[in-house]
Amino acid sequence: MIYVFLADGFEEMEAMAPIDLLKRAGVDLQTVGVGGKAVTGRSGIAVTCDITEDEMNTTDCAGVVLPGGPGRTRLADSPVVMETLKVVSQSNGLLAAICAAPSILGQAGLLKGKKACCYPGFEDELAGAEIVFAPVVTDGNVITSRGAGTATEFALSCVSYLVSPEMATMIAEQIVYGR
């Protein structure tokens, strides 16, 4: 199961692109509301999550996706999110974060020796990472991305990692990405 954590103030594009494209690829995914099942994005779009953080079961967790936006601080403050990141890291599962959310991976000590990128100005919060200024960076099980404008490429990178590069190419063609 892949868990996408959402908290009030999440960046909608950075959450919905991976949710949509991973589901198109057939990936088992649930959205997890941090602070409640109903969350509202930074642009005021309300979302009802599949489960709350209290309902999570980390034993079946193969990966995590963290969107950015002002809600990222709520994710960083959640003991459940931080514990899930540790569990996923120990099992070498997917750790995907976009915009300012890679700072959460840095805070958890999960970027040491990894190449990573983030929203401009958050580089100092990627403790131990080699900073790369690219739209999306994949280093082993860690995928990071710079912001809302890179959300589709980020989502396709997650599909490529979890399913296959061929599936990512097929979905990119279906959605007319980059044409």
N, C-alpha and C. Protein backbone atom coordinates (compact mmCIF):
# COMPACT_ATOMS: atom_id res chain seq x y z
N MET A 1 0.85 -1.18 0.00
CA MET A 1 0.00 0.00 0.00
C MET A 1 0.89 1.25 0.00
N ILE A 2 0.54 2.20 -0.84
CA ILE A 2 1.20 3.51 -0.84
C ILE A 2 0.27 4.47 -0.12
N TYR A 3 0.82 5.23 0.81
CA TYR A 3 0.05 6.22 1.55
C TYR A 3 0.44 7.62 1.11
N VAL A 4 -0.56 8.43 0.77
CA VAL A 4 -0.35 9.84 0.46
C VAL A 4 -0.92 10.63 1.63
N PHE A 5 -0.02 11.29 2.37
CA PHE A 5 -0.44 12.04 3.55
C PHE A 5 -0.90 13.43 3.14
N LEU A 6 -2.08 13.83 3.64
CA LEU A 6 -2.64 15.15 3.36
C LEU A 6 -3.03 15.82 4.67
N ALA A 7 -2.67 17.09 4.78
CA ALA A 7 -3.06 17.90 5.94
C ALA A 7 -3.55 19.24 5.42
N ASP A 8 -4.34 19.93 6.23
CA ASP A 8 -4.82 21.26 5.82
C ASP A 8 -3.65 22.09 5.31
N GLY A 9 -3.86 22.70 4.13
CA GLY A 9 -2.83 23.52 3.52
C GLY A 9 -1.98 22.78 2.50
N PHE A 10 -2.31 21.51 2.21
CA PHE A 10 -1.52 20.77 1.20
C PHE A 10 -1.65 21.45 -0.16
N GLU A 11 -0.64 21.30 -0.98
CA GLU A 11 -0.67 21.84 -2.34
C GLU A 11 -1.42 20.85 -3.23
N GLU A 12 -2.56 21.27 -3.74
CA GLU A 12 -3.45 20.37 -4.46
C GLU A 12 -2.80 19.68 -5.66
N MET A 13 -2.12 20.41 -6.51
CA MET A 13 -1.51 19.79 -7.69
C MET A 13 -0.48 18.74 -7.31
N GLU A 14 0.26 19.01 -6.25
CA GLU A 14 1.33 18.10 -5.83
C GLU A 14 0.78 16.82 -5.21
N ALA A 15 -0.46 16.86 -4.75
CA ALA A 15 -1.10 15.67 -4.19
C ALA A 15 -1.89 14.93 -5.26
N MET A 16 -2.68 15.65 -6.04
CA MET A 16 -3.59 15.00 -6.98
C MET A 16 -2.88 14.36 -8.16
N ALA A 17 -1.80 14.94 -8.65
CA ALA A 17 -1.09 14.32 -9.78
C ALA A 17 -0.58 12.93 -9.41
N PRO A 18 0.12 12.76 -8.27
CA PRO A 18 0.54 11.40 -7.93
C PRO A 18 -0.63 10.46 -7.62
N ILE A 19 -1.65 10.97 -6.94
CA ILE A 19 -2.80 10.12 -6.63
C ILE A 19 -3.42 9.60 -7.92
N ASP A 20 -3.70 10.49 -8.85
CA ASP A 20 -4.33 10.13 -10.11
C ASP A 20 -3.47 9.17 -10.91
N LEU A 21 -2.21 9.52 -11.15
CA LEU A 21 -1.39 8.70 -12.03
C LEU A 21 -1.02 7.36 -11.41
N LEU A 22 -0.81 7.32 -10.10
CA LEU A 22 -0.54 6.03 -9.46
C LEU A 22 -1.77 5.12 -9.54
N LYS A 23 -2.95 5.69 -9.36
CA LYS A 23 -4.17 4.88 -9.49
C LYS A 23 -4.36 4.39 -10.93
N ARG A 24 -4.05 5.24 -11.91
CA ARG A 24 -4.13 4.80 -13.31
C ARG A 24 -3.20 3.61 -13.56
N ALA A 25 -2.07 3.60 -12.85
CA ALA A 25 -1.08 2.54 -13.00
C ALA A 25 -1.44 1.28 -12.22
N GLY A 26 -2.56 1.34 -11.48
CA GLY A 26 -3.00 0.18 -10.73
C GLY A 26 -2.34 0.01 -9.37
N VAL A 27 -1.71 1.05 -8.87
CA VAL A 27 -1.03 0.98 -7.58
C VAL A 27 -2.06 1.07 -6.45
N ASP A 28 -1.93 0.19 -5.46
CA ASP A 28 -2.77 0.26 -4.25
C ASP A 28 -2.37 1.50 -3.48
N LEU A 29 -3.32 2.40 -3.27
CA LEU A 29 -3.01 3.70 -2.67
C LEU A 29 -4.16 4.14 -1.79
N GLN A 30 -3.82 4.76 -0.68
CA GLN A 30 -4.84 5.40 0.16
C GLN A 30 -4.34 6.79 0.55
N THR A 31 -5.30 7.72 0.59
CA THR A 31 -4.98 9.04 1.13
C THR A 31 -5.21 8.99 2.63
N VAL A 32 -4.32 9.67 3.35
CA VAL A 32 -4.36 9.64 4.81
C VAL A 32 -4.51 11.07 5.31
N GLY A 33 -5.60 11.36 5.99
CA GLY A 33 -5.82 12.68 6.56
C GLY A 33 -5.08 12.84 7.88
N VAL A 34 -4.22 13.83 7.93
CA VAL A 34 -3.49 14.15 9.15
C VAL A 34 -4.27 15.26 9.85
N GLY A 35 -4.81 14.94 11.01
CA GLY A 35 -5.64 15.90 11.72
C GLY A 35 -7.12 15.72 11.46
N GLY A 36 -7.49 14.71 10.69
CA GLY A 36 -8.90 14.43 10.40
C GLY A 36 -9.07 13.91 8.99
N LYS A 37 -10.21 13.32 8.73
CA LYS A 37 -10.47 12.73 7.43
C LYS A 37 -10.72 13.79 6.35
N ALA A 38 -11.30 14.91 6.74
CA ALA A 38 -11.55 16.02 5.80
C ALA A 38 -10.43 17.04 5.92
N VAL A 39 -9.78 17.32 4.79
CA VAL A 39 -8.70 18.31 4.76
C VAL A 39 -8.96 19.29 3.62
N THR A 40 -8.40 20.47 3.76
CA THR A 40 -8.58 21.50 2.74
C THR A 40 -7.22 21.96 2.26
N GLY A 41 -7.05 21.97 0.95
CA GLY A 41 -5.79 22.38 0.34
C GLY A 41 -5.56 23.88 0.45
N ARG A 42 -4.38 24.31 0.04
CA ARG A 42 -3.99 25.71 0.15
C ARG A 42 -4.87 26.63 -0.70
N SER A 43 -5.48 26.08 -1.75
CA SER A 43 -6.36 26.87 -2.61
C SER A 43 -7.83 26.73 -2.25
N GLY A 44 -8.10 26.07 -1.12
CA GLY A 44 -9.46 25.95 -0.63
C GLY A 44 -10.24 24.75 -1.15
N ILE A 45 -9.57 23.84 -1.83
CA ILE A 45 -10.25 22.65 -2.33
C ILE A 45 -10.31 21.61 -1.21
N ALA A 46 -11.53 21.20 -0.87
CA ALA A 46 -11.74 20.24 0.22
C ALA A 46 -11.65 18.81 -0.31
N VAL A 47 -11.02 17.96 0.47
CA VAL A 47 -10.83 16.55 0.10
C VAL A 47 -11.20 15.68 1.30
N THR A 48 -11.91 14.60 1.03
CA THR A 48 -12.17 13.61 2.07
C THR A 48 -11.19 12.46 1.84
N CYS A 49 -10.34 12.23 2.82
CA CYS A 49 -9.32 11.18 2.70
C CYS A 49 -9.93 9.81 2.94
N ASP A 50 -9.22 8.79 2.47
CA ASP A 50 -9.67 7.41 2.64
C ASP A 50 -9.66 7.01 4.11
N ILE A 51 -8.62 7.40 4.82
CA ILE A 51 -8.46 7.06 6.23
C ILE A 51 -7.80 8.22 6.95
N THR A 52 -7.79 8.14 8.27
CA THR A 52 -7.04 9.11 9.07
C THR A 52 -5.73 8.46 9.51
N GLU A 53 -4.85 9.26 10.02
CA GLU A 53 -3.56 8.73 10.47
C GLU A 53 -3.74 7.70 11.59
N ASP A 54 -4.80 7.84 12.38
CA ASP A 54 -5.08 6.89 13.47
C ASP A 54 -5.51 5.52 12.95
N GLU A 55 -5.96 5.46 11.69
CA GLU A 55 -6.44 4.21 11.11
C GLU A 55 -5.38 3.48 10.28
N MET A 56 -4.20 4.05 10.21
CA MET A 56 -3.14 3.48 9.38
C MET A 56 -2.60 2.17 9.93
N ASN A 57 -2.13 1.36 9.01
CA ASN A 57 -1.45 0.11 9.36
C ASN A 57 -0.13 0.09 8.59
N THR A 58 0.96 0.33 9.28
CA THR A 58 2.25 0.44 8.58
C THR A 58 2.81 -0.92 8.15
N THR A 59 2.20 -2.01 8.59
CA THR A 59 2.74 -3.32 8.21
C THR A 59 2.62 -3.59 6.71
N ASP A 60 1.68 -2.95 6.04
CA ASP A 60 1.52 -3.16 4.60
C ASP A 60 2.00 -1.96 3.78
N CYS A 61 2.77 -1.09 4.39
CA CYS A 61 3.18 0.16 3.73
C CYS A 61 4.42 -0.06 2.86
N ALA A 62 4.24 0.13 1.55
CA ALA A 62 5.34 0.00 0.60
C ALA A 62 5.91 1.34 0.20
N GLY A 63 5.29 2.43 0.64
CA GLY A 63 5.79 3.74 0.28
C GLY A 63 4.90 4.86 0.75
N VAL A 64 5.48 6.06 0.69
CA VAL A 64 4.82 7.27 1.15
C VAL A 64 5.03 8.38 0.13
N VAL A 65 3.99 9.19 -0.09
CA VAL A 65 4.09 10.39 -0.92
C VAL A 65 3.70 11.57 -0.03
N LEU A 66 4.56 12.59 -0.03
CA LEU A 66 4.34 13.80 0.78
C LEU A 66 4.25 15.01 -0.14
N PRO A 67 3.06 15.62 -0.25
CA PRO A 67 2.96 16.87 -1.01
C PRO A 67 3.45 18.04 -0.17
N GLY A 68 3.80 19.12 -0.84
CA GLY A 68 4.22 20.32 -0.13
C GLY A 68 3.06 21.24 0.14
N GLY A 69 3.39 22.52 0.21
CA GLY A 69 2.40 23.52 0.58
C GLY A 69 2.51 23.81 2.06
N PRO A 70 1.76 24.79 2.54
CA PRO A 70 1.82 25.14 3.97
C PRO A 70 1.48 23.97 4.90
N GLY A 71 0.75 22.97 4.41
CA GLY A 71 0.38 21.82 5.22
C GLY A 71 1.55 20.91 5.56
N ARG A 72 2.68 21.11 4.91
CA ARG A 72 3.83 20.24 5.18
C ARG A 72 4.29 20.33 6.62
N THR A 73 4.08 21.48 7.26
CA THR A 73 4.50 21.59 8.67
C THR A 73 3.65 20.68 9.56
N ARG A 74 2.38 20.51 9.20
CA ARG A 74 1.52 19.59 9.96
C ARG A 74 1.98 18.14 9.77
N LEU A 75 2.45 17.82 8.56
CA LEU A 75 2.98 16.48 8.32
C LEU A 75 4.23 16.25 9.16
N ALA A 76 5.11 17.24 9.18
CA ALA A 76 6.36 17.12 9.94
C ALA A 76 6.10 16.99 11.44
N ASP A 77 5.01 17.58 11.91
CA ASP A 77 4.67 17.54 13.34
C ASP A 77 3.91 16.27 13.74
N SER A 78 3.55 15.45 12.77
CA SER A 78 2.77 14.25 13.06
C SER A 78 3.68 13.08 13.45
N PRO A 79 3.54 12.56 14.66
CA PRO A 79 4.33 11.38 15.05
C PRO A 79 4.05 10.18 14.14
N VAL A 80 2.82 10.05 13.64
CA VAL A 80 2.47 8.94 12.77
C VAL A 80 3.22 9.06 11.44
N VAL A 81 3.25 10.25 10.86
CA VAL A 81 3.99 10.46 9.61
C VAL A 81 5.47 10.13 9.82
N MET A 82 6.05 10.66 10.88
CA MET A 82 7.48 10.46 11.12
C MET A 82 7.80 8.98 11.37
N GLU A 83 6.95 8.28 12.10
CA GLU A 83 7.16 6.86 12.35
C GLU A 83 7.00 6.06 11.06
N THR A 84 6.03 6.42 10.24
CA THR A 84 5.82 5.73 8.96
C THR A 84 7.03 5.91 8.06
N LEU A 85 7.60 7.09 8.04
CA LEU A 85 8.81 7.33 7.23
C LEU A 85 9.95 6.40 7.67
N LYS A 86 10.11 6.23 8.96
CA LYS A 86 11.17 5.33 9.46
C LYS A 86 10.91 3.89 9.04
N VAL A 87 9.66 3.45 9.18
CA VAL A 87 9.30 2.07 8.80
C VAL A 87 9.55 1.85 7.31
N VAL A 88 9.12 2.80 6.49
CA VAL A 88 9.29 2.68 5.04
C VAL A 88 10.77 2.69 4.68
N SER A 89 11.53 3.55 5.31
CA SER A 89 12.97 3.62 5.05
C SER A 89 13.66 2.31 5.39
N GLN A 90 13.30 1.71 6.52
CA GLN A 90 13.91 0.45 6.94
C GLN A 90 13.61 -0.69 5.98
N SER A 91 12.48 -0.62 5.30
CA SER A 91 12.13 -1.67 4.35
C SER A 91 12.50 -1.28 2.92
N ASN A 92 13.21 -0.15 2.77
CA ASN A 92 13.64 0.36 1.46
C ASN A 92 12.45 0.64 0.54
N GLY A 93 11.32 1.09 1.13
CA GLY A 93 10.15 1.46 0.35
C GLY A 93 10.29 2.85 -0.23
N LEU A 94 9.32 3.23 -1.03
CA LEU A 94 9.34 4.53 -1.70
C LEU A 94 9.17 5.68 -0.71
N LEU A 95 10.08 6.63 -0.78
CA LEU A 95 9.97 7.89 -0.03
C LEU A 95 9.93 9.01 -1.06
N ALA A 96 8.74 9.52 -1.34
CA ALA A 96 8.56 10.53 -2.38
C ALA A 96 8.03 11.81 -1.75
N ALA A 97 8.68 12.93 -2.07
CA ALA A 97 8.29 14.22 -1.50
C ALA A 97 8.53 15.31 -2.53
N ILE A 98 7.63 16.29 -2.55
CA ILE A 98 7.68 17.35 -3.55
C ILE A 98 7.58 18.72 -2.89
N CYS A 99 8.17 19.71 -3.53
CA CYS A 99 8.13 21.11 -3.12
C CYS A 99 8.93 21.30 -1.83
N ALA A 100 8.31 21.75 -0.76
CA ALA A 100 9.00 21.91 0.51
C ALA A 100 9.00 20.63 1.34
N ALA A 101 8.22 19.63 0.94
CA ALA A 101 8.12 18.39 1.71
C ALA A 101 9.40 17.57 1.80
N PRO A 102 10.35 17.67 0.84
CA PRO A 102 11.61 16.96 1.05
C PRO A 102 12.31 17.38 2.36
N SER A 103 11.97 18.56 2.86
CA SER A 103 12.54 19.00 4.15
C SER A 103 12.13 18.05 5.28
N ILE A 104 10.97 17.40 5.14
CA ILE A 104 10.52 16.43 6.14
C ILE A 104 11.44 15.21 6.13
N LEU A 105 11.82 14.79 4.92
CA LEU A 105 12.77 13.67 4.80
C LEU A 105 14.12 14.06 5.39
N GLY A 106 14.52 15.32 5.17
CA GLY A 106 15.76 15.80 5.77
C GLY A 106 15.69 15.82 7.28
N GLN A 107 14.58 16.30 7.81
CA GLN A 107 14.36 16.36 9.26
C GLN A 107 14.42 14.96 9.87
N ALA A 108 13.94 13.96 9.12
CA ALA A 108 13.93 12.58 9.61
C ALA A 108 15.28 11.88 9.41
N GLY A 109 16.24 12.59 8.80
CA GLY A 109 17.56 12.01 8.58
C GLY A 109 17.60 10.99 7.45
N LEU A 110 16.66 11.08 6.52
CA LEU A 110 16.55 10.08 5.46
C LEU A 110 17.19 10.49 4.14
N LEU A 111 17.85 11.64 4.11
CA LEU A 111 18.47 12.10 2.87
C LEU A 111 20.00 12.02 2.89
N LYS A 112 20.56 11.50 3.95
CA LYS A 112 22.02 11.42 4.06
C LYS A 112 22.59 10.59 2.91
N GLY A 113 23.50 11.22 2.16
CA GLY A 113 24.13 10.54 1.04
C GLY A 113 23.27 10.41 -0.19
N LYS A 114 22.10 11.01 -0.20
CA LYS A 114 21.18 10.95 -1.35
C LYS A 114 21.21 12.26 -2.13
N LYS A 115 20.98 12.17 -3.43
CA LYS A 115 20.76 13.36 -4.24
C LYS A 115 19.29 13.73 -4.08
N ALA A 116 19.02 15.03 -3.96
CA ALA A 116 17.64 15.48 -3.76
C ALA A 116 17.47 16.90 -4.25
N CYS A 117 16.20 17.26 -4.49
CA CYS A 117 15.85 18.62 -4.86
C CYS A 117 14.64 19.05 -4.04
N CYS A 118 14.30 20.34 -4.12
CA CYS A 118 13.18 20.86 -3.35
C CYS A 118 12.79 22.23 -3.91
N TYR A 119 11.77 22.79 -3.31
CA TYR A 119 11.34 24.15 -3.67
C TYR A 119 12.48 25.11 -3.36
N PRO A 120 12.75 26.06 -4.25
CA PRO A 120 13.86 26.99 -4.02
C PRO A 120 13.77 27.68 -2.66
N GLY A 121 14.87 27.65 -1.93
CA GLY A 121 14.95 28.27 -0.62
C GLY A 121 14.90 27.29 0.53
N PHE A 122 14.57 26.02 0.25
CA PHE A 122 14.49 25.00 1.30
C PHE A 122 15.71 24.07 1.30
N GLU A 123 16.69 24.37 0.48
CA GLU A 123 17.85 23.49 0.35
C GLU A 123 18.55 23.23 1.68
N ASP A 124 18.63 24.23 2.55
CA ASP A 124 19.30 24.06 3.84
C ASP A 124 18.60 23.06 4.75
N GLU A 125 17.36 22.73 4.43
CA GLU A 125 16.60 21.80 5.27
C GLU A 125 16.71 20.35 4.80
N LEU A 126 17.51 20.11 3.75
CA LEU A 126 17.69 18.75 3.23
C LEU A 126 18.96 18.15 3.84
N ALA A 127 18.98 18.02 5.14
CA ALA A 127 20.17 17.58 5.89
C ALA A 127 20.82 16.35 5.29
N GLY A 128 22.09 16.49 4.92
CA GLY A 128 22.88 15.37 4.43
C GLY A 128 22.74 15.07 2.96
N ALA A 129 21.87 15.80 2.25
CA ALA A 129 21.64 15.52 0.83
C ALA A 129 22.63 16.27 -0.05
N GLU A 130 22.87 15.69 -1.21
CA GLU A 130 23.57 16.40 -2.27
C GLU A 130 22.48 17.10 -3.07
N ILE A 131 22.48 18.43 -3.04
CA ILE A 131 21.43 19.21 -3.70
C ILE A 131 21.61 19.19 -5.20
N VAL A 132 20.52 18.88 -5.91
CA VAL A 132 20.51 18.86 -7.37
C VAL A 132 19.40 19.80 -7.81
N PHE A 133 19.71 20.65 -8.78
CA PHE A 133 18.70 21.59 -9.28
C PHE A 133 18.10 21.04 -10.56
N ALA A 134 17.23 20.06 -10.39
CA ALA A 134 16.52 19.41 -11.49
C ALA A 134 15.05 19.35 -11.11
N PRO A 135 14.15 19.21 -12.09
CA PRO A 135 12.72 19.15 -11.77
C PRO A 135 12.37 17.98 -10.85
N VAL A 136 12.97 16.81 -11.10
CA VAL A 136 12.72 15.61 -10.30
C VAL A 136 14.05 14.88 -10.15
N VAL A 137 14.30 14.37 -8.96
CA VAL A 137 15.52 13.60 -8.71
C VAL A 137 15.13 12.27 -8.08
N THR A 138 15.60 11.19 -8.69
CA THR A 138 15.42 9.85 -8.13
C THR A 138 16.77 9.32 -7.71
N ASP A 139 16.89 8.95 -6.45
CA ASP A 139 18.13 8.36 -5.95
C ASP A 139 17.74 7.15 -5.10
N GLY A 140 17.84 5.98 -5.71
CA GLY A 140 17.40 4.77 -5.02
C GLY A 140 15.91 4.82 -4.77
N ASN A 141 15.52 4.68 -3.51
CA ASN A 141 14.10 4.66 -3.16
C ASN A 141 13.55 6.05 -2.84
N VAL A 142 14.36 7.09 -3.02
CA VAL A 142 13.94 8.46 -2.71
C VAL A 142 13.70 9.24 -4.00
N ILE A 143 12.48 9.80 -4.11
CA ILE A 143 12.13 10.65 -5.25
C ILE A 143 11.73 12.01 -4.70
N THR A 144 12.40 13.06 -5.17
CA THR A 144 12.07 14.42 -4.74
C THR A 144 11.81 15.27 -5.98
N SER A 145 11.07 16.35 -5.76
CA SER A 145 10.70 17.22 -6.87
C SER A 145 10.56 18.65 -6.37
N ARG A 146 10.58 19.63 -7.28
CA ARG A 146 10.72 21.03 -6.92
C ARG A 146 9.42 21.77 -6.62
N GLY A 147 8.29 21.39 -7.21
CA GLY A 147 7.08 22.16 -6.92
C GLY A 147 5.92 21.80 -7.81
N ALA A 148 4.85 22.57 -7.71
CA ALA A 148 3.60 22.28 -8.41
C ALA A 148 3.81 22.11 -9.92
N GLY A 149 4.69 22.91 -10.49
CA GLY A 149 4.95 22.82 -11.93
C GLY A 149 5.62 21.54 -12.36
N THR A 150 6.17 20.79 -11.41
CA THR A 150 6.84 19.53 -11.72
C THR A 150 6.03 18.32 -11.25
N ALA A 151 4.78 18.55 -10.84
CA ALA A 151 3.96 17.50 -10.22
C ALA A 151 3.69 16.32 -11.15
N THR A 152 3.47 16.56 -12.43
CA THR A 152 3.20 15.45 -13.34
C THR A 152 4.46 14.61 -13.54
N GLU A 153 5.59 15.27 -13.74
CA GLU A 153 6.85 14.54 -13.90
C GLU A 153 7.18 13.75 -12.63
N PHE A 154 6.93 14.35 -11.48
CA PHE A 154 7.11 13.68 -10.19
C PHE A 154 6.23 12.43 -10.11
N ALA A 155 4.97 12.58 -10.46
CA ALA A 155 4.03 11.45 -10.41
C ALA A 155 4.45 10.34 -11.36
N LEU A 156 4.88 10.70 -12.55
CA LEU A 156 5.35 9.70 -13.52
C LEU A 156 6.60 8.99 -13.02
N SER A 157 7.46 9.70 -12.32
CA SER A 157 8.65 9.08 -11.73
C SER A 157 8.26 8.06 -10.66
N CYS A 158 7.23 8.38 -9.91
CA CYS A 158 6.72 7.43 -8.91
C CYS A 158 6.15 6.19 -9.58
N VAL A 159 5.42 6.37 -10.67
CA VAL A 159 4.89 5.24 -11.44
C VAL A 159 6.04 4.39 -11.98
N SER A 160 7.03 5.04 -12.53
CA SER A 160 8.18 4.32 -13.08
C SER A 160 8.86 3.48 -12.01
N TYR A 161 9.04 4.05 -10.83
CA TYR A 161 9.69 3.35 -9.72
C TYR A 161 8.84 2.18 -9.21
N LEU A 162 7.56 2.43 -8.99
CA LEU A 162 6.69 1.42 -8.38
C LEU A 162 6.19 0.35 -9.34
N VAL A 163 6.00 0.71 -10.61
CA VAL A 163 5.44 -0.23 -11.58
C VAL A 163 6.48 -0.55 -12.65
N SER A 164 6.73 0.40 -13.54
CA SER A 164 7.75 0.22 -14.57
C SER A 164 7.88 1.50 -15.39
N PRO A 165 9.06 1.68 -16.01
CA PRO A 165 9.22 2.82 -16.91
C PRO A 165 8.23 2.74 -18.08
N GLU A 166 7.92 1.54 -18.52
CA GLU A 166 6.99 1.37 -19.63
C GLU A 166 5.59 1.85 -19.26
N MET A 167 5.17 1.55 -18.04
CA MET A 167 3.86 2.01 -17.59
C MET A 167 3.85 3.54 -17.51
N ALA A 168 4.93 4.13 -17.02
CA ALA A 168 5.02 5.59 -16.94
C ALA A 168 4.94 6.21 -18.33
N THR A 169 5.61 5.61 -19.30
CA THR A 169 5.55 6.10 -20.68
C THR A 169 4.14 5.98 -21.25
N MET A 170 3.50 4.85 -20.99
CA MET A 170 2.14 4.64 -21.48
C MET A 170 1.18 5.69 -20.90
N ILE A 171 1.28 5.94 -19.60
CA ILE A 171 0.41 6.93 -18.97
C ILE A 171 0.72 8.33 -19.49
N ALA A 172 1.99 8.64 -19.65
CA ALA A 172 2.38 9.95 -20.20
C ALA A 172 1.75 10.17 -21.57
N GLU A 173 1.74 9.13 -22.38
CA GLU A 173 1.11 9.23 -23.70
C GLU A 173 -0.39 9.39 -23.57
N GLN A 174 -1.03 8.67 -22.64
CA GLN A 174 -2.48 8.76 -22.46
C GLN A 174 -2.90 10.17 -22.04
N ILE A 175 -2.11 10.82 -21.22
CA ILE A 175 -2.49 12.15 -20.74
C ILE A 175 -1.90 13.28 -21.60
N VAL A 176 -1.23 12.89 -22.69
CA VAL A 176 -0.61 13.83 -23.61
C VAL A 176 0.39 14.73 -22.87
N TYR A 177 1.21 14.11 -22.05
CA TYR A 177 2.22 14.84 -21.28
C TYR A 177 3.41 15.18 -22.17
N GLY A 178 3.81 16.43 -22.13
CA GLY A 178 5.00 16.88 -22.84
C GLY A 178 4.85 16.98 -24.33
N ARG A 179 3.65 17.09 -24.82
CA ARG A 179 3.45 17.16 -26.28
C ARG A 179 3.21 18.56 -26.73
